[in-house]
Amino acid sequence: KTKRPTTPFRLLIQHSSGEEEDVSGAHFLIDASGTWNNPNWAGAGGVPAVGEKQAVGRQRVRHGIVNADSKDAAGLLGKRVAVIGSGASAITSINNLEKIAAKGGEAG
């Protein structure tokens, strides 16, 4: 039996400098790339990264902006969360993750 549902998400990032960074142990990935309701795949050339489609199906990858006041905000508390994106949605998600952490994950 696979341990995949309880194993932290692993993401390898390649910076524009060519340097690679292993983001091990993320429990969730917030994909804030692309446009509203039309996220980009995380892989090179616009294709899904290895395992990305399966992670989306298991709800370990979330698309869109993290809402600090949502009911599932508490589910992110104490978890390692990676954010993909470089625009306003990614920055807003990071700010909202900070709010979740600051208020202890209590929604509302």
C-alpha atoms as a PDB file:
ATOM      1  CA  LYS A   1       0.000   0.000   0.000  1.00  0.00           C
ATOM      2  CA  THR A   2       1.353   3.407  -0.951  1.00  0.00           C
ATOM      3  CA  LYS A   3       2.204   6.064   1.632  1.00  0.00           C
ATOM      4  CA  ARG A   4       1.625   8.816  -0.962  1.00  0.00           C
ATOM      5  CA  PRO A   5      -1.393  10.424   0.814  1.00  0.00           C
ATOM      6  CA  THR A   6       0.672  10.934   3.978  1.00  0.00           C
ATOM      7  CA  THR A   7       3.973  11.769   2.283  1.00  0.00           C
ATOM      8  CA  PRO A   8       4.792  15.492   2.007  1.00  0.00           C
ATOM      9  CA  PHE A   9       4.735  17.006  -1.492  1.00  0.00           C
ATOM     10  CA  ARG A  10       8.188  17.426  -3.070  1.00  0.00           C
ATOM     11  CA  LEU A  11       8.925  20.185  -5.538  1.00  0.00           C
ATOM     12  CA  LEU A  12      12.131  20.916  -7.444  1.00  0.00           C
ATOM     13  CA  ILE A  13      12.465  24.545  -8.494  1.00  0.00           C
ATOM     14  CA  GLN A  14      14.882  25.852 -11.104  1.00  0.00           C
ATOM     15  CA  HIS A  15      15.607  29.572 -10.769  1.00  0.00           C
ATOM     16  CA  SER A  16      16.332  31.726 -13.818  1.00  0.00           C
ATOM     17  CA  SER A  17      20.019  31.587 -12.795  1.00  0.00           C
ATOM     18  CA  GLY A  18      19.918  27.818 -13.371  1.00  0.00           C
ATOM     19  CA  GLU A  19      20.284  27.047  -9.657  1.00  0.00           C
ATOM     20  CA  GLU A  20      17.957  24.297  -8.458  1.00  0.00           C
ATOM     21  CA  GLU A  21      16.219  24.286  -5.090  1.00  0.00           C
ATOM     22  CA  ASP A  22      14.479  21.322  -3.483  1.00  0.00           C
ATOM     23  CA  VAL A  23      11.384  22.386  -1.554  1.00  0.00           C
ATOM     24  CA  SER A  24      10.909  19.186   0.401  1.00  0.00           C
ATOM     25  CA  GLY A  25       8.156  18.572   2.834  1.00  0.00           C
ATOM     26  CA  ALA A  26       5.448  20.886   1.498  1.00  0.00           C
ATOM     27  CA  HIS A  27       2.011  19.595   2.481  1.00  0.00           C
ATOM     28  CA  PHE A  28       0.139  21.816   0.022  1.00  0.00           C
ATOM     29  CA  LEU A  29       1.027  23.716  -3.119  1.00  0.00           C
ATOM     30  CA  ILE A  30      -0.810  26.918  -4.005  1.00  0.00           C
ATOM     31  CA  ASP A  31      -0.682  27.490  -7.771  1.00  0.00           C
ATOM     32  CA  ALA A  32      -1.195  31.214  -8.275  1.00  0.00           C
ATOM     33  CA  SER A  33       0.089  31.234 -11.846  1.00  0.00           C
ATOM     34  CA  GLY A  34      -1.915  31.999 -14.957  1.00  0.00           C
ATOM     35  CA  THR A  35      -5.102  34.001 -14.997  1.00  0.00           C
ATOM     36  CA  TRP A  36      -8.332  33.750 -13.004  1.00  0.00           C
ATOM     37  CA  ASN A  37      -9.934  30.311 -13.577  1.00  0.00           C
ATOM     38  CA  ASN A  38      -7.182  29.422 -16.065  1.00  0.00           C
ATOM     39  CA  PRO A  39      -4.063  28.345 -14.115  1.00  0.00           C
ATOM     40  CA  ASN A  40      -0.823  27.425 -15.840  1.00  0.00           C
ATOM     41  CA  TRP A  41       0.778  24.018 -15.360  1.00  0.00           C
ATOM     42  CA  ALA A  42       3.948  24.152 -13.259  1.00  0.00           C
ATOM     43  CA  GLY A  43       6.121  22.180 -15.702  1.00  0.00           C
ATOM     44  CA  ALA A  44       8.469  23.652 -18.268  1.00  0.00           C
ATOM     45  CA  GLY A  45       6.831  24.711 -21.513  1.00  0.00           C
ATOM     46  CA  GLY A  46       3.336  24.843 -20.034  1.00  0.00           C
ATOM     47  CA  VAL A  47       2.963  21.102 -19.477  1.00  0.00           C
ATOM     48  CA  PRO A  48       2.120  19.485 -16.128  1.00  0.00           C
ATOM     49  CA  ALA A  49       5.081  18.740 -13.867  1.00  0.00           C
ATOM     50  CA  VAL A  50       5.589  15.078 -13.010  1.00  0.00           C
ATOM     51  CA  GLY A  51       2.814  14.067 -10.608  1.00  0.00           C
ATOM     52  CA  GLU A  52       1.040  17.424 -10.830  1.00  0.00           C
ATOM     53  CA  LYS A  53      -2.242  16.087 -12.261  1.00  0.00           C
ATOM     54  CA  GLN A  54      -2.414  13.428  -9.552  1.00  0.00           C
ATOM     55  CA  ALA A  55      -1.664  16.004  -6.841  1.00  0.00           C
ATOM     56  CA  VAL A  56      -4.484  18.210  -8.149  1.00  0.00           C
ATOM     57  CA  GLY A  57      -6.827  15.204  -8.004  1.00  0.00           C
ATOM     58  CA  ARG A  58      -5.826  14.530  -4.394  1.00  0.00           C
ATOM     59  CA  GLN A  59      -6.372  18.217  -3.560  1.00  0.00           C
ATOM     60  CA  ARG A  60      -2.731  18.744  -2.654  1.00  0.00           C
ATOM     61  CA  VAL A  61      -2.457  21.442  -5.303  1.00  0.00           C
ATOM     62  CA  ARG A  62      -4.897  24.306  -5.066  1.00  0.00           C
ATOM     63  CA  HIS A  63      -5.374  26.841  -7.822  1.00  0.00           C
ATOM     64  CA  GLY A  64      -6.152  30.464  -7.121  1.00  0.00           C
ATOM     65  CA  ILE A  65      -5.805  32.826  -4.214  1.00  0.00           C
ATOM     66  CA  VAL A  66      -5.771  31.532  -0.651  1.00  0.00           C
ATOM     67  CA  ASN A  67      -8.646  33.061   1.324  1.00  0.00           C
ATOM     68  CA  ALA A  68      -7.625  33.805   4.907  1.00  0.00           C
ATOM     69  CA  ASP A  69     -11.262  33.767   6.044  1.00  0.00           C
ATOM     70  CA  SER A  70     -12.309  30.504   4.401  1.00  0.00           C
ATOM     71  CA  LYS A  71     -13.418  27.418   6.315  1.00  0.00           C
ATOM     72  CA  ASP A  72     -10.413  25.428   5.063  1.00  0.00           C
ATOM     73  CA  ALA A  73      -7.867  28.031   6.208  1.00  0.00           C
ATOM     74  CA  ALA A  74      -7.407  26.062   9.437  1.00  0.00           C
ATOM     75  CA  GLY A  75      -6.389  23.053   7.326  1.00  0.00           C
ATOM     76  CA  LEU A  76      -3.307  24.975   6.213  1.00  0.00           C
ATOM     77  CA  LEU A  77      -2.234  25.931   9.732  1.00  0.00           C
ATOM     78  CA  GLY A  78       0.981  24.210  10.765  1.00  0.00           C
ATOM     79  CA  LYS A  79       1.564  22.903   7.234  1.00  0.00           C
ATOM     80  CA  ARG A  80       4.427  23.681   4.886  1.00  0.00           C
ATOM     81  CA  VAL A  81       2.887  25.428   1.887  1.00  0.00           C
ATOM     82  CA  ALA A  82       4.641  26.247  -1.386  1.00  0.00           C
ATOM     83  CA  VAL A  83       3.310  29.012  -3.651  1.00  0.00           C
ATOM     84  CA  ILE A  84       3.906  29.059  -7.420  1.00  0.00           C
ATOM     85  CA  GLY A  85       3.552  32.352  -9.237  1.00  0.00           C
ATOM     86  CA  SER A  86       5.110  35.785  -9.374  1.00  0.00           C
ATOM     87  CA  GLY A  87       2.144  38.107  -9.793  1.00  0.00           C
ATOM     88  CA  ALA A  88      -0.510  39.709  -7.634  1.00  0.00           C
ATOM     89  CA  SER A  89      -2.316  36.397  -6.953  1.00  0.00           C
ATOM     90  CA  ALA A  90       0.842  34.793  -5.573  1.00  0.00           C
ATOM     91  CA  ILE A  91       1.665  37.819  -3.396  1.00  0.00           C
ATOM     92  CA  THR A  92      -1.927  37.990  -2.132  1.00  0.00           C
ATOM     93  CA  SER A  93      -1.802  34.264  -1.295  1.00  0.00           C
ATOM     94  CA  ILE A  94       1.445  34.734   0.643  1.00  0.00           C
ATOM     95  CA  ASN A  95      -0.048  37.675   2.565  1.00  0.00           C
ATOM     96  CA  ASN A  96      -3.176  35.630   3.348  1.00  0.00           C
ATOM     97  CA  LEU A  97      -1.083  32.650   4.495  1.00  0.00           C
ATOM     98  CA  GLU A  98       0.663  35.026   6.887  1.00  0.00           C
ATOM     99  CA  LYS A  99      -2.749  36.155   8.209  1.00  0.00           C
ATOM    100  CA  ILE A 100      -3.802  32.512   8.692  1.00  0.00           C
ATOM    101  CA  ALA A 101      -0.653  31.819  10.683  1.00  0.00           C
ATOM    102  CA  ALA A 102      -1.022  35.005  12.752  1.00  0.00           C
ATOM    103  CA  LYS A 103      -4.579  34.272  13.839  1.00  0.00           C
ATOM    104  CA  GLY A 104      -3.981  30.595  14.536  1.00  0.00           C
ATOM    105  CA  GLY A 105      -6.073  29.318  11.624  1.00  0.00           C
ATOM    106  CA  GLU A 106      -9.409  30.431  13.075  1.00  0.00           C
ATOM    107  CA  ALA A 107     -11.687  31.251  10.156  1.00  0.00           C
ATOM    108  CA  GLY A 108     -13.768  34.391  10.163  1.00  0.00           C
END
